[in-house]
Amino acid sequence: MIKAYLFDFDGTLVDSMPAYVSIMTGVLDEYGIEYGDDFIKTITPLGMEGTARYFIEELGVKLSLEELIEKFGKNMYYEYANNIMAKENVIPVLKELKERGVSLNVLTASPHLTLDVCLKRLGIFDLFDNVWSCDDFNTTKANPEIYRMAAEKIGENIEEILFLDDNFNADKTAKSAGMKVCGVYDESSAEYVNEMKELTDFYIYDFKELSEIA
């Protein structure tokens, strides 16, 4: 039985991946740095600071950590505060789940700078019992421990929590930590659909399908 839901944000609740990808690749293009096909799959679970470290340590961006984080923040804030919308059927399904009395929670690599303003603009911030950035745990979604810590804070057994994410790596890590996992379709991760279906307990293309998972 599912007693609580733990949702990713980008690409799961909101249709932000095109803007997110454009911002991140734009920084690398600005500095003439090449990146591989699996670039977005790699950075999505890392959060802003983790991505900045990856840019500096692995890709060779010649900026300090603070300068790069500030650059990300400035580029991202406008989009999240003004333009990014919820994915289809997300809002009505979240309201339906809330009416059932289950716990709704968010765990995302995105910082509160962009996370909170977007959820509030969409009118769904107050549907969640907890809205967490990885920054709140001082680690990333690539660490299985973050899911165990989230479960403890939610107050439910980890195996009774359903984690939803469009990112294969995050789904794999949450699964290894003991959570039930539901993969979520997003165009940015379309090439990994078959891998995600094999890995996860459930897979949805549209949030209305979530109403059928109990």
N, C-alpha and C. Protein backbone atom coordinates (compact mmCIF):
# COMPACT_ATOMS: atom_id res chain seq x y z
N MET A 1 0.84 -1.21 0.00
CA MET A 1 0.00 0.00 0.00
C MET A 1 0.87 1.25 0.00
N ILE A 2 0.50 2.22 -0.81
CA ILE A 2 1.25 3.46 -0.88
C ILE A 2 0.68 4.44 0.14
N LYS A 3 1.52 4.84 1.08
CA LYS A 3 1.08 5.78 2.11
C LYS A 3 1.60 7.19 1.87
N ALA A 4 2.61 7.31 1.00
CA ALA A 4 3.18 8.63 0.73
C ALA A 4 3.79 8.64 -0.67
N TYR A 5 3.79 9.81 -1.26
CA TYR A 5 4.39 10.00 -2.58
C TYR A 5 5.55 10.99 -2.45
N LEU A 6 6.61 10.69 -3.16
CA LEU A 6 7.79 11.57 -3.19
C LEU A 6 8.07 11.89 -4.65
N PHE A 7 7.81 13.13 -5.03
CA PHE A 7 7.89 13.54 -6.43
C PHE A 7 9.17 14.31 -6.74
N ASP A 8 9.77 13.96 -7.85
CA ASP A 8 10.76 14.83 -8.47
C ASP A 8 10.01 16.07 -8.98
N PHE A 9 10.74 17.07 -9.36
CA PHE A 9 10.16 18.34 -9.82
C PHE A 9 10.34 18.52 -11.32
N ASP A 10 11.55 18.78 -11.76
CA ASP A 10 11.82 19.03 -13.18
C ASP A 10 11.56 17.78 -14.02
N GLY A 11 10.72 17.93 -15.02
CA GLY A 11 10.44 16.82 -15.92
C GLY A 11 9.42 15.84 -15.38
N THR A 12 9.05 16.00 -14.11
CA THR A 12 8.05 15.11 -13.50
C THR A 12 6.78 15.90 -13.20
N LEU A 13 6.88 16.92 -12.36
CA LEU A 13 5.73 17.77 -12.05
C LEU A 13 5.59 18.91 -13.05
N VAL A 14 6.71 19.44 -13.50
CA VAL A 14 6.67 20.60 -14.40
C VAL A 14 7.43 20.32 -15.69
N ASP A 15 7.00 20.98 -16.74
CA ASP A 15 7.60 20.81 -18.05
C ASP A 15 8.76 21.79 -18.22
N SER A 16 9.81 21.53 -17.45
CA SER A 16 10.92 22.48 -17.38
C SER A 16 12.18 22.01 -18.08
N MET A 17 12.21 20.75 -18.49
CA MET A 17 13.47 20.23 -19.02
C MET A 17 13.96 20.96 -20.27
N PRO A 18 13.11 21.35 -21.20
CA PRO A 18 13.64 22.10 -22.34
C PRO A 18 14.38 23.37 -21.92
N ALA A 19 13.78 24.12 -20.96
CA ALA A 19 14.44 25.34 -20.48
C ALA A 19 15.70 25.00 -19.71
N TYR A 20 15.62 23.96 -18.86
CA TYR A 20 16.77 23.54 -18.06
C TYR A 20 17.94 23.13 -18.96
N VAL A 21 17.64 22.30 -19.96
CA VAL A 21 18.68 21.84 -20.89
C VAL A 21 19.28 23.02 -21.64
N SER A 22 18.43 23.93 -22.09
CA SER A 22 18.91 25.10 -22.83
C SER A 22 19.84 25.96 -21.99
N ILE A 23 19.49 26.15 -20.73
CA ILE A 23 20.32 26.96 -19.83
C ILE A 23 21.67 26.30 -19.59
N MET A 24 21.65 25.00 -19.31
CA MET A 24 22.89 24.29 -19.00
C MET A 24 23.81 24.15 -20.21
N THR A 25 23.24 23.78 -21.34
CA THR A 25 24.06 23.66 -22.55
C THR A 25 24.53 25.03 -23.02
N GLY A 26 23.70 26.06 -22.76
CA GLY A 26 24.08 27.41 -23.16
C GLY A 26 25.35 27.87 -22.46
N VAL A 27 25.49 27.51 -21.19
CA VAL A 27 26.70 27.88 -20.45
C VAL A 27 27.92 27.21 -21.07
N LEU A 28 27.79 25.92 -21.39
CA LEU A 28 28.92 25.20 -21.99
C LEU A 28 29.23 25.73 -23.38
N ASP A 29 28.19 26.04 -24.15
CA ASP A 29 28.40 26.60 -25.49
C ASP A 29 29.12 27.95 -25.40
N GLU A 30 28.76 28.72 -24.38
CA GLU A 30 29.38 30.04 -24.19
C GLU A 30 30.89 29.93 -24.03
N TYR A 31 31.33 28.83 -23.38
CA TYR A 31 32.76 28.64 -23.14
C TYR A 31 33.40 27.65 -24.12
N GLY A 32 32.65 27.27 -25.15
CA GLY A 32 33.17 26.40 -26.19
C GLY A 32 33.54 25.01 -25.71
N ILE A 33 32.77 24.48 -24.79
CA ILE A 33 33.06 23.18 -24.19
C ILE A 33 32.11 22.13 -24.75
N GLU A 34 32.67 21.01 -25.21
CA GLU A 34 31.86 19.93 -25.76
C GLU A 34 31.33 19.03 -24.65
N TYR A 35 30.21 18.37 -24.91
CA TYR A 35 29.59 17.49 -23.93
C TYR A 35 28.97 16.30 -24.66
N GLY A 36 28.86 15.18 -23.96
CA GLY A 36 28.38 13.95 -24.57
C GLY A 36 26.86 13.83 -24.61
N ASP A 37 26.38 12.78 -25.24
CA ASP A 37 24.95 12.56 -25.41
C ASP A 37 24.25 12.27 -24.07
N ASP A 38 25.01 11.74 -23.11
CA ASP A 38 24.41 11.39 -21.81
C ASP A 38 24.56 12.51 -20.78
N PHE A 39 24.90 13.69 -21.27
CA PHE A 39 25.18 14.84 -20.41
C PHE A 39 24.02 15.16 -19.46
N ILE A 40 22.82 15.28 -19.98
CA ILE A 40 21.67 15.66 -19.15
C ILE A 40 21.32 14.54 -18.17
N LYS A 41 21.41 13.30 -18.62
CA LYS A 41 21.16 12.16 -17.73
C LYS A 41 22.11 12.20 -16.54
N THR A 42 23.33 12.65 -16.77
CA THR A 42 24.35 12.71 -15.72
C THR A 42 24.09 13.83 -14.73
N ILE A 43 23.76 15.02 -15.22
CA ILE A 43 23.70 16.17 -14.32
C ILE A 43 22.36 16.35 -13.61
N THR A 44 21.28 15.80 -14.17
CA THR A 44 19.95 16.06 -13.61
C THR A 44 19.83 15.74 -12.13
N PRO A 45 20.39 14.62 -11.63
CA PRO A 45 20.24 14.35 -10.19
C PRO A 45 21.18 15.13 -9.29
N LEU A 46 22.10 15.92 -9.85
CA LEU A 46 23.20 16.48 -9.06
C LEU A 46 22.87 17.77 -8.31
N GLY A 47 21.82 18.47 -8.71
CA GLY A 47 21.55 19.76 -8.10
C GLY A 47 22.44 20.83 -8.69
N MET A 48 22.17 22.09 -8.31
CA MET A 48 22.90 23.21 -8.88
C MET A 48 24.38 23.18 -8.50
N GLU A 49 24.66 22.95 -7.22
CA GLU A 49 26.06 22.92 -6.79
C GLU A 49 26.78 21.72 -7.38
N GLY A 50 26.12 20.55 -7.37
CA GLY A 50 26.75 19.36 -7.93
C GLY A 50 27.02 19.50 -9.42
N THR A 51 26.09 20.13 -10.12
CA THR A 51 26.29 20.36 -11.55
C THR A 51 27.43 21.34 -11.78
N ALA A 52 27.49 22.38 -10.96
CA ALA A 52 28.59 23.34 -11.07
C ALA A 52 29.93 22.65 -10.85
N ARG A 53 30.01 21.78 -9.86
CA ARG A 53 31.25 21.03 -9.62
C ARG A 53 31.59 20.14 -10.82
N TYR A 54 30.58 19.52 -11.39
CA TYR A 54 30.79 18.67 -12.57
C TYR A 54 31.32 19.50 -13.73
N PHE A 55 30.73 20.66 -13.94
CA PHE A 55 31.18 21.55 -15.02
C PHE A 55 32.65 21.93 -14.84
N ILE A 56 33.02 22.22 -13.60
CA ILE A 56 34.38 22.68 -13.32
C ILE A 56 35.38 21.53 -13.33
N GLU A 57 35.04 20.46 -12.61
CA GLU A 57 36.00 19.36 -12.40
C GLU A 57 36.08 18.39 -13.58
N GLU A 58 34.95 18.16 -14.25
CA GLU A 58 34.93 17.18 -15.33
C GLU A 58 34.95 17.78 -16.72
N LEU A 59 34.34 18.96 -16.87
CA LEU A 59 34.24 19.56 -18.19
C LEU A 59 35.17 20.76 -18.39
N GLY A 60 35.77 21.23 -17.30
CA GLY A 60 36.80 22.26 -17.43
C GLY A 60 36.32 23.69 -17.57
N VAL A 61 35.13 24.00 -17.06
CA VAL A 61 34.67 25.39 -17.09
C VAL A 61 35.57 26.23 -16.17
N LYS A 62 36.07 27.34 -16.68
CA LYS A 62 37.03 28.16 -15.94
C LYS A 62 36.33 29.27 -15.15
N LEU A 63 35.47 28.85 -14.24
CA LEU A 63 34.81 29.78 -13.31
C LEU A 63 34.90 29.17 -11.92
N SER A 64 34.79 30.01 -10.90
CA SER A 64 34.75 29.48 -9.54
C SER A 64 33.39 28.86 -9.31
N LEU A 65 33.29 28.04 -8.28
CA LEU A 65 32.02 27.41 -7.93
C LEU A 65 30.95 28.47 -7.69
N GLU A 66 31.29 29.50 -6.94
CA GLU A 66 30.34 30.56 -6.62
C GLU A 66 29.88 31.31 -7.86
N GLU A 67 30.81 31.62 -8.76
CA GLU A 67 30.47 32.33 -9.99
C GLU A 67 29.52 31.51 -10.87
N LEU A 68 29.77 30.20 -10.94
CA LEU A 68 28.96 29.35 -11.80
C LEU A 68 27.56 29.15 -11.22
N ILE A 69 27.47 28.97 -9.92
CA ILE A 69 26.16 28.83 -9.27
C ILE A 69 25.35 30.11 -9.46
N GLU A 70 25.99 31.25 -9.30
CA GLU A 70 25.30 32.53 -9.50
C GLU A 70 24.80 32.66 -10.94
N LYS A 71 25.59 32.21 -11.88
CA LYS A 71 25.22 32.27 -13.30
C LYS A 71 24.01 31.38 -13.57
N PHE A 72 24.05 30.16 -13.04
CA PHE A 72 22.90 29.26 -13.18
C PHE A 72 21.64 29.91 -12.62
N GLY A 73 21.77 30.42 -11.39
CA GLY A 73 20.61 30.98 -10.69
C GLY A 73 19.96 32.12 -11.45
N LYS A 74 20.75 33.03 -11.95
CA LYS A 74 20.22 34.16 -12.69
C LYS A 74 19.50 33.71 -13.95
N ASN A 75 20.09 32.75 -14.65
CA ASN A 75 19.51 32.27 -15.90
C ASN A 75 18.21 31.49 -15.66
N MET A 76 18.16 30.77 -14.55
CA MET A 76 17.02 29.88 -14.29
C MET A 76 15.85 30.59 -13.63
N TYR A 77 16.12 31.55 -12.76
CA TYR A 77 15.05 32.14 -11.96
C TYR A 77 13.92 32.71 -12.83
N TYR A 78 14.26 33.45 -13.85
CA TYR A 78 13.23 34.09 -14.66
C TYR A 78 12.28 33.06 -15.26
N GLU A 79 12.84 31.97 -15.79
CA GLU A 79 12.01 30.95 -16.43
C GLU A 79 11.05 30.32 -15.43
N TYR A 80 11.56 29.97 -14.24
CA TYR A 80 10.73 29.30 -13.24
C TYR A 80 9.70 30.26 -12.62
N ALA A 81 10.05 31.50 -12.51
CA ALA A 81 9.14 32.48 -11.90
C ALA A 81 8.04 32.93 -12.85
N ASN A 82 8.25 32.73 -14.15
CA ASN A 82 7.31 33.31 -15.11
C ASN A 82 6.74 32.36 -16.15
N ASN A 83 7.51 31.39 -16.60
CA ASN A 83 7.12 30.67 -17.82
C ASN A 83 6.82 29.17 -17.66
N ILE A 84 7.52 28.50 -16.79
CA ILE A 84 7.41 27.03 -16.73
C ILE A 84 6.07 26.62 -16.15
N MET A 85 5.44 25.65 -16.82
CA MET A 85 4.10 25.22 -16.44
C MET A 85 4.11 23.77 -15.93
N ALA A 86 3.03 23.41 -15.23
CA ALA A 86 2.87 22.03 -14.78
C ALA A 86 2.63 21.14 -16.00
N LYS A 87 3.06 19.88 -15.90
CA LYS A 87 2.80 18.94 -16.97
C LYS A 87 1.31 18.57 -16.97
N GLU A 88 0.87 18.04 -18.07
CA GLU A 88 -0.55 17.74 -18.26
C GLU A 88 -1.10 16.83 -17.16
N ASN A 89 -2.22 17.22 -16.59
CA ASN A 89 -2.96 16.46 -15.57
C ASN A 89 -2.28 16.39 -14.20
N VAL A 90 -1.15 17.04 -14.05
CA VAL A 90 -0.46 17.01 -12.75
C VAL A 90 -1.31 17.64 -11.65
N ILE A 91 -1.81 18.83 -11.89
CA ILE A 91 -2.52 19.56 -10.83
C ILE A 91 -3.79 18.84 -10.38
N PRO A 92 -4.68 18.42 -11.29
CA PRO A 92 -5.88 17.71 -10.82
C PRO A 92 -5.57 16.39 -10.11
N VAL A 93 -4.56 15.68 -10.56
CA VAL A 93 -4.21 14.41 -9.92
C VAL A 93 -3.62 14.64 -8.53
N LEU A 94 -2.79 15.66 -8.38
CA LEU A 94 -2.26 15.99 -7.06
C LEU A 94 -3.40 16.34 -6.10
N LYS A 95 -4.37 17.09 -6.58
CA LYS A 95 -5.50 17.47 -5.73
C LYS A 95 -6.32 16.24 -5.34
N GLU A 96 -6.47 15.31 -6.29
CA GLU A 96 -7.20 14.08 -6.01
C GLU A 96 -6.49 13.24 -4.95
N LEU A 97 -5.17 13.13 -5.09
CA LEU A 97 -4.38 12.37 -4.11
C LEU A 97 -4.44 13.02 -2.73
N LYS A 98 -4.40 14.34 -2.72
CA LYS A 98 -4.48 15.08 -1.46
C LYS A 98 -5.81 14.79 -0.76
N GLU A 99 -6.87 14.73 -1.53
CA GLU A 99 -8.19 14.45 -0.97
C GLU A 99 -8.27 13.05 -0.38
N ARG A 100 -7.44 12.13 -0.89
CA ARG A 100 -7.41 10.77 -0.34
C ARG A 100 -6.72 10.73 1.02
N GLY A 101 -6.00 11.78 1.34
CA GLY A 101 -5.35 11.85 2.65
C GLY A 101 -3.95 11.29 2.70
N VAL A 102 -3.36 11.00 1.53
CA VAL A 102 -1.98 10.51 1.53
C VAL A 102 -1.00 11.68 1.59
N SER A 103 0.20 11.40 2.00
CA SER A 103 1.23 12.44 2.12
C SER A 103 1.88 12.70 0.77
N LEU A 104 1.93 13.96 0.37
CA LEU A 104 2.57 14.37 -0.88
C LEU A 104 3.83 15.16 -0.54
N ASN A 105 4.93 14.83 -1.21
CA ASN A 105 6.21 15.45 -0.90
C ASN A 105 7.01 15.63 -2.18
N VAL A 106 7.91 16.59 -2.16
CA VAL A 106 8.79 16.85 -3.30
C VAL A 106 10.24 16.69 -2.87
N LEU A 107 11.03 16.02 -3.71
CA LEU A 107 12.49 15.94 -3.52
C LEU A 107 13.13 16.18 -4.88
N THR A 108 13.86 17.26 -4.99
CA THR A 108 14.42 17.65 -6.28
C THR A 108 15.83 18.18 -6.14
N ALA A 109 16.56 18.05 -7.23
CA ALA A 109 17.90 18.63 -7.28
C ALA A 109 17.85 20.13 -7.45
N SER A 110 16.70 20.66 -7.86
CA SER A 110 16.58 22.11 -8.05
C SER A 110 16.65 22.84 -6.71
N PRO A 111 17.21 24.04 -6.69
CA PRO A 111 17.28 24.81 -5.45
C PRO A 111 15.94 25.46 -5.12
N HIS A 112 15.76 25.84 -3.87
CA HIS A 112 14.53 26.53 -3.48
C HIS A 112 14.33 27.83 -4.26
N LEU A 113 15.41 28.42 -4.74
CA LEU A 113 15.34 29.65 -5.53
C LEU A 113 14.36 29.53 -6.69
N THR A 114 14.40 28.40 -7.39
CA THR A 114 13.51 28.18 -8.53
C THR A 114 12.32 27.29 -8.17
N LEU A 115 12.52 26.35 -7.28
CA LEU A 115 11.49 25.39 -6.89
C LEU A 115 10.27 26.07 -6.27
N ASP A 116 10.49 26.83 -5.20
CA ASP A 116 9.38 27.39 -4.43
C ASP A 116 8.56 28.39 -5.24
N VAL A 117 9.25 29.27 -5.96
CA VAL A 117 8.54 30.31 -6.70
C VAL A 117 7.67 29.70 -7.80
N CYS A 118 8.13 28.61 -8.38
CA CYS A 118 7.36 27.97 -9.45
C CYS A 118 6.13 27.26 -8.88
N LEU A 119 6.31 26.47 -7.82
CA LEU A 119 5.17 25.76 -7.22
C LEU A 119 4.12 26.74 -6.69
N LYS A 120 4.58 27.85 -6.13
CA LYS A 120 3.63 28.85 -5.61
C LYS A 120 2.87 29.53 -6.75
N ARG A 121 3.57 29.85 -7.82
CA ARG A 121 2.89 30.47 -8.97
C ARG A 121 1.84 29.54 -9.56
N LEU A 122 2.12 28.24 -9.55
CA LEU A 122 1.19 27.26 -10.09
C LEU A 122 0.06 26.92 -9.12
N GLY A 123 0.17 27.42 -7.88
CA GLY A 123 -0.89 27.21 -6.90
C GLY A 123 -0.90 25.84 -6.26
N ILE A 124 0.24 25.14 -6.26
CA ILE A 124 0.26 23.78 -5.71
C ILE A 124 1.27 23.60 -4.56
N PHE A 125 1.95 24.65 -4.19
CA PHE A 125 2.95 24.53 -3.13
C PHE A 125 2.34 23.96 -1.85
N ASP A 126 1.14 24.43 -1.49
CA ASP A 126 0.52 24.04 -0.23
C ASP A 126 -0.09 22.65 -0.25
N LEU A 127 -0.08 21.98 -1.40
CA LEU A 127 -0.56 20.59 -1.45
C LEU A 127 0.44 19.62 -0.83
N PHE A 128 1.69 20.07 -0.71
CA PHE A 128 2.76 19.18 -0.26
C PHE A 128 3.04 19.33 1.23
N ASP A 129 3.26 18.20 1.88
CA ASP A 129 3.67 18.22 3.29
C ASP A 129 5.11 18.69 3.43
N ASN A 130 5.93 18.33 2.47
CA ASN A 130 7.34 18.73 2.48
C ASN A 130 7.77 19.06 1.06
N VAL A 131 8.48 20.16 0.90
CA VAL A 131 9.07 20.53 -0.39
C VAL A 131 10.58 20.65 -0.14
N TRP A 132 11.31 19.63 -0.61
CA TRP A 132 12.75 19.55 -0.33
C TRP A 132 13.59 19.73 -1.58
N SER A 133 14.63 20.50 -1.44
CA SER A 133 15.74 20.51 -2.39
C SER A 133 16.80 19.58 -1.82
N CYS A 134 17.60 19.01 -2.69
CA CYS A 134 18.72 18.19 -2.21
C CYS A 134 19.63 19.00 -1.28
N ASP A 135 19.62 20.31 -1.46
CA ASP A 135 20.43 21.17 -0.60
C ASP A 135 20.05 21.01 0.87
N ASP A 136 18.79 20.66 1.13
CA ASP A 136 18.32 20.50 2.51
C ASP A 136 18.95 19.28 3.19
N PHE A 137 19.46 18.36 2.38
CA PHE A 137 20.07 17.14 2.91
C PHE A 137 21.59 17.12 2.75
N ASN A 138 22.12 18.17 2.13
CA ASN A 138 23.57 18.27 1.89
C ASN A 138 24.12 17.07 1.13
N THR A 139 23.31 16.55 0.21
CA THR A 139 23.78 15.48 -0.67
C THR A 139 22.93 15.52 -1.94
N THR A 140 23.07 14.52 -2.80
CA THR A 140 22.35 14.52 -4.07
C THR A 140 21.48 13.28 -4.20
N LYS A 141 20.67 13.25 -5.24
CA LYS A 141 19.81 12.10 -5.50
C LYS A 141 20.59 10.91 -6.06
N ALA A 142 21.89 11.08 -6.23
CA ALA A 142 22.75 9.97 -6.61
C ALA A 142 23.19 9.17 -5.39
N ASN A 143 22.81 9.63 -4.19
CA ASN A 143 23.17 8.98 -2.93
C ASN A 143 21.93 8.28 -2.36
N PRO A 144 21.94 6.95 -2.21
CA PRO A 144 20.77 6.24 -1.68
C PRO A 144 20.31 6.75 -0.32
N GLU A 145 21.22 7.31 0.44
CA GLU A 145 20.89 7.75 1.79
C GLU A 145 19.87 8.88 1.80
N ILE A 146 19.81 9.68 0.74
CA ILE A 146 18.88 10.80 0.72
C ILE A 146 17.43 10.31 0.76
N TYR A 147 17.17 9.16 0.15
CA TYR A 147 15.82 8.61 0.13
C TYR A 147 15.45 8.03 1.50
N ARG A 148 16.43 7.48 2.17
CA ARG A 148 16.18 6.96 3.52
C ARG A 148 15.92 8.12 4.49
N MET A 149 16.68 9.19 4.34
CA MET A 149 16.46 10.36 5.19
C MET A 149 15.09 10.99 4.93
N ALA A 150 14.70 11.04 3.67
CA ALA A 150 13.39 11.59 3.33
C ALA A 150 12.28 10.73 3.93
N ALA A 151 12.42 9.42 3.83
CA ALA A 151 11.41 8.51 4.39
C ALA A 151 11.27 8.71 5.89
N GLU A 152 12.40 8.88 6.56
CA GLU A 152 12.38 9.10 8.01
C GLU A 152 11.63 10.39 8.34
N LYS A 153 11.88 11.43 7.58
CA LYS A 153 11.21 12.71 7.83
C LYS A 153 9.71 12.63 7.50
N ILE A 154 9.36 11.88 6.48
CA ILE A 154 7.95 11.70 6.13
C ILE A 154 7.24 10.90 7.21
N GLY A 155 7.98 9.96 7.82
CA GLY A 155 7.41 9.18 8.90
C GLY A 155 6.71 7.91 8.46
N GLU A 156 7.09 7.40 7.28
CA GLU A 156 6.53 6.15 6.78
C GLU A 156 7.67 5.19 6.46
N ASN A 157 7.35 3.88 6.45
CA ASN A 157 8.33 2.90 6.04
C ASN A 157 8.73 3.16 4.59
N ILE A 158 9.99 3.01 4.29
CA ILE A 158 10.49 3.38 2.97
C ILE A 158 9.81 2.60 1.86
N GLU A 159 9.45 1.34 2.13
CA GLU A 159 8.83 0.51 1.10
C GLU A 159 7.37 0.89 0.85
N GLU A 160 6.81 1.78 1.68
CA GLU A 160 5.43 2.24 1.50
C GLU A 160 5.36 3.63 0.87
N ILE A 161 6.52 4.10 0.38
CA ILE A 161 6.60 5.39 -0.29
C ILE A 161 6.86 5.16 -1.77
N LEU A 162 6.10 5.85 -2.61
CA LEU A 162 6.31 5.77 -4.06
C LEU A 162 7.07 6.99 -4.54
N PHE A 163 8.23 6.75 -5.12
CA PHE A 163 9.07 7.81 -5.67
C PHE A 163 8.82 7.92 -7.16
N LEU A 164 8.65 9.13 -7.65
CA LEU A 164 8.38 9.35 -9.08
C LEU A 164 9.41 10.30 -9.66
N ASP A 165 10.04 9.85 -10.76
CA ASP A 165 11.08 10.67 -11.38
C ASP A 165 11.19 10.29 -12.85
N ASP A 166 11.54 11.27 -13.67
CA ASP A 166 11.75 11.01 -15.09
C ASP A 166 13.20 10.65 -15.41
N ASN A 167 14.06 10.66 -14.39
CA ASN A 167 15.49 10.41 -14.60
C ASN A 167 15.85 8.99 -14.22
N PHE A 168 16.48 8.26 -15.13
CA PHE A 168 16.82 6.86 -14.90
C PHE A 168 17.74 6.68 -13.70
N ASN A 169 18.76 7.52 -13.59
CA ASN A 169 19.73 7.37 -12.50
C ASN A 169 19.08 7.57 -11.13
N ALA A 170 18.21 8.58 -11.03
CA ALA A 170 17.52 8.83 -9.76
C ALA A 170 16.59 7.67 -9.42
N ASP A 171 15.86 7.17 -10.42
CA ASP A 171 14.97 6.02 -10.19
C ASP A 171 15.76 4.80 -9.71
N LYS A 172 16.89 4.57 -10.33
CA LYS A 172 17.73 3.43 -9.97
C LYS A 172 18.23 3.54 -8.53
N THR A 173 18.63 4.74 -8.13
CA THR A 173 19.16 4.95 -6.78
C THR A 173 18.05 4.82 -5.74
N ALA A 174 16.88 5.40 -6.02
CA ALA A 174 15.76 5.28 -5.09
C ALA A 174 15.34 3.83 -4.92
N LYS A 175 15.36 3.08 -6.01
CA LYS A 175 15.02 1.66 -5.97
C LYS A 175 16.00 0.90 -5.09
N SER A 176 17.28 1.23 -5.22
CA SER A 176 18.31 0.55 -4.42
C SER A 176 18.17 0.87 -2.94
N ALA A 177 17.56 2.03 -2.64
CA ALA A 177 17.36 2.44 -1.24
C ALA A 177 16.16 1.76 -0.60
N GLY A 178 15.29 1.15 -1.43
CA GLY A 178 14.16 0.42 -0.90
C GLY A 178 12.81 1.01 -1.20
N MET A 179 12.74 2.11 -1.93
CA MET A 179 11.45 2.71 -2.27
C MET A 179 10.81 2.00 -3.45
N LYS A 180 9.48 2.04 -3.50
CA LYS A 180 8.79 1.71 -4.74
C LYS A 180 9.05 2.88 -5.68
N VAL A 181 9.17 2.57 -6.97
CA VAL A 181 9.55 3.61 -7.92
C VAL A 181 8.63 3.59 -9.13
N CYS A 182 8.22 4.78 -9.54
CA CYS A 182 7.42 4.96 -10.74
C CYS A 182 8.18 5.87 -11.70
N GLY A 183 8.55 5.34 -12.84
CA GLY A 183 9.17 6.16 -13.86
C GLY A 183 8.14 7.06 -14.51
N VAL A 184 8.56 8.23 -14.92
CA VAL A 184 7.67 9.22 -15.53
C VAL A 184 8.22 9.60 -16.89
N TYR A 185 7.37 9.55 -17.90
CA TYR A 185 7.84 9.90 -19.24
C TYR A 185 8.10 11.40 -19.36
N ASP A 186 9.22 11.72 -19.95
CA ASP A 186 9.52 13.09 -20.35
C ASP A 186 10.31 13.00 -21.65
N GLU A 187 10.08 13.94 -22.52
CA GLU A 187 10.76 13.91 -23.82
C GLU A 187 12.28 13.90 -23.67
N SER A 188 12.77 14.54 -22.61
CA SER A 188 14.22 14.63 -22.41
C SER A 188 14.84 13.27 -22.08
N SER A 189 14.03 12.33 -21.60
CA SER A 189 14.55 11.01 -21.24
C SER A 189 13.90 9.90 -22.07
N ALA A 190 13.34 10.26 -23.22
CA ALA A 190 12.60 9.29 -24.04
C ALA A 190 13.45 8.10 -24.47
N GLU A 191 14.73 8.31 -24.65
CA GLU A 191 15.59 7.22 -25.10
C GLU A 191 15.82 6.17 -24.03
N TYR A 192 15.45 6.48 -22.78
CA TYR A 192 15.67 5.55 -21.67
C TYR A 192 14.39 4.87 -21.20
N VAL A 193 13.30 5.01 -21.97
CA VAL A 193 12.01 4.46 -21.54
C VAL A 193 12.09 2.97 -21.26
N ASN A 194 12.67 2.20 -22.17
CA ASN A 194 12.72 0.75 -21.98
C ASN A 194 13.55 0.37 -20.76
N GLU A 195 14.67 1.06 -20.55
CA GLU A 195 15.49 0.80 -19.37
C GLU A 195 14.71 1.11 -18.09
N MET A 196 13.99 2.21 -18.11
CA MET A 196 13.23 2.62 -16.93
C MET A 196 12.10 1.66 -16.64
N LYS A 197 11.43 1.18 -17.69
CA LYS A 197 10.35 0.21 -17.51
C LYS A 197 10.86 -1.08 -16.87
N GLU A 198 12.03 -1.51 -17.27
CA GLU A 198 12.61 -2.72 -16.71
C GLU A 198 13.00 -2.54 -15.25
N LEU A 199 13.42 -1.35 -14.90
CA LEU A 199 13.91 -1.06 -13.56
C LEU A 199 12.79 -0.80 -12.56
N THR A 200 11.79 -0.03 -12.96
CA THR A 200 10.81 0.52 -12.02
C THR A 200 9.64 -0.43 -11.76
N ASP A 201 8.91 -0.14 -10.68
CA ASP A 201 7.71 -0.90 -10.36
C ASP A 201 6.54 -0.49 -11.25
N PHE A 202 6.52 0.77 -11.63
CA PHE A 202 5.47 1.31 -12.48
C PHE A 202 6.10 2.30 -13.45
N TYR A 203 5.38 2.58 -14.53
CA TYR A 203 5.83 3.61 -15.47
C TYR A 203 4.60 4.29 -16.03
N ILE A 204 4.60 5.63 -16.04
CA ILE A 204 3.46 6.38 -16.55
C ILE A 204 3.89 7.36 -17.64
N TYR A 205 3.02 7.52 -18.62
CA TYR A 205 3.23 8.51 -19.67
C TYR A 205 2.47 9.80 -19.37
N ASP A 206 1.42 9.68 -18.56
CA ASP A 206 0.56 10.80 -18.23
C ASP A 206 0.18 10.67 -16.77
N PHE A 207 0.07 11.79 -16.07
CA PHE A 207 -0.20 11.73 -14.63
C PHE A 207 -1.57 11.12 -14.31
N LYS A 208 -2.50 11.15 -15.24
CA LYS A 208 -3.81 10.56 -14.97
C LYS A 208 -3.68 9.06 -14.70
N GLU A 209 -2.61 8.43 -15.20
CA GLU A 209 -2.37 7.01 -14.95
C GLU A 209 -2.02 6.75 -13.50
N LEU A 210 -1.55 7.79 -12.80
CA LEU A 210 -1.15 7.63 -11.41
C LEU A 210 -2.36 7.31 -10.52
N SER A 211 -3.52 7.75 -10.92
CA SER A 211 -4.74 7.51 -10.13
C SER A 211 -5.05 6.01 -10.04
N GLU A 212 -4.51 5.24 -10.98
CA GLU A 212 -4.79 3.79 -11.01
C GLU A 212 -3.78 2.98 -10.21
N ILE A 213 -2.74 3.66 -9.70
CA ILE A 213 -1.72 2.98 -8.91
C ILE A 213 -2.03 3.19 -7.44
N ALA A 214 -2.28 2.12 -6.71
CA ALA A 214 -2.63 2.25 -5.29
C ALA A 214 -1.61 1.54 -4.43
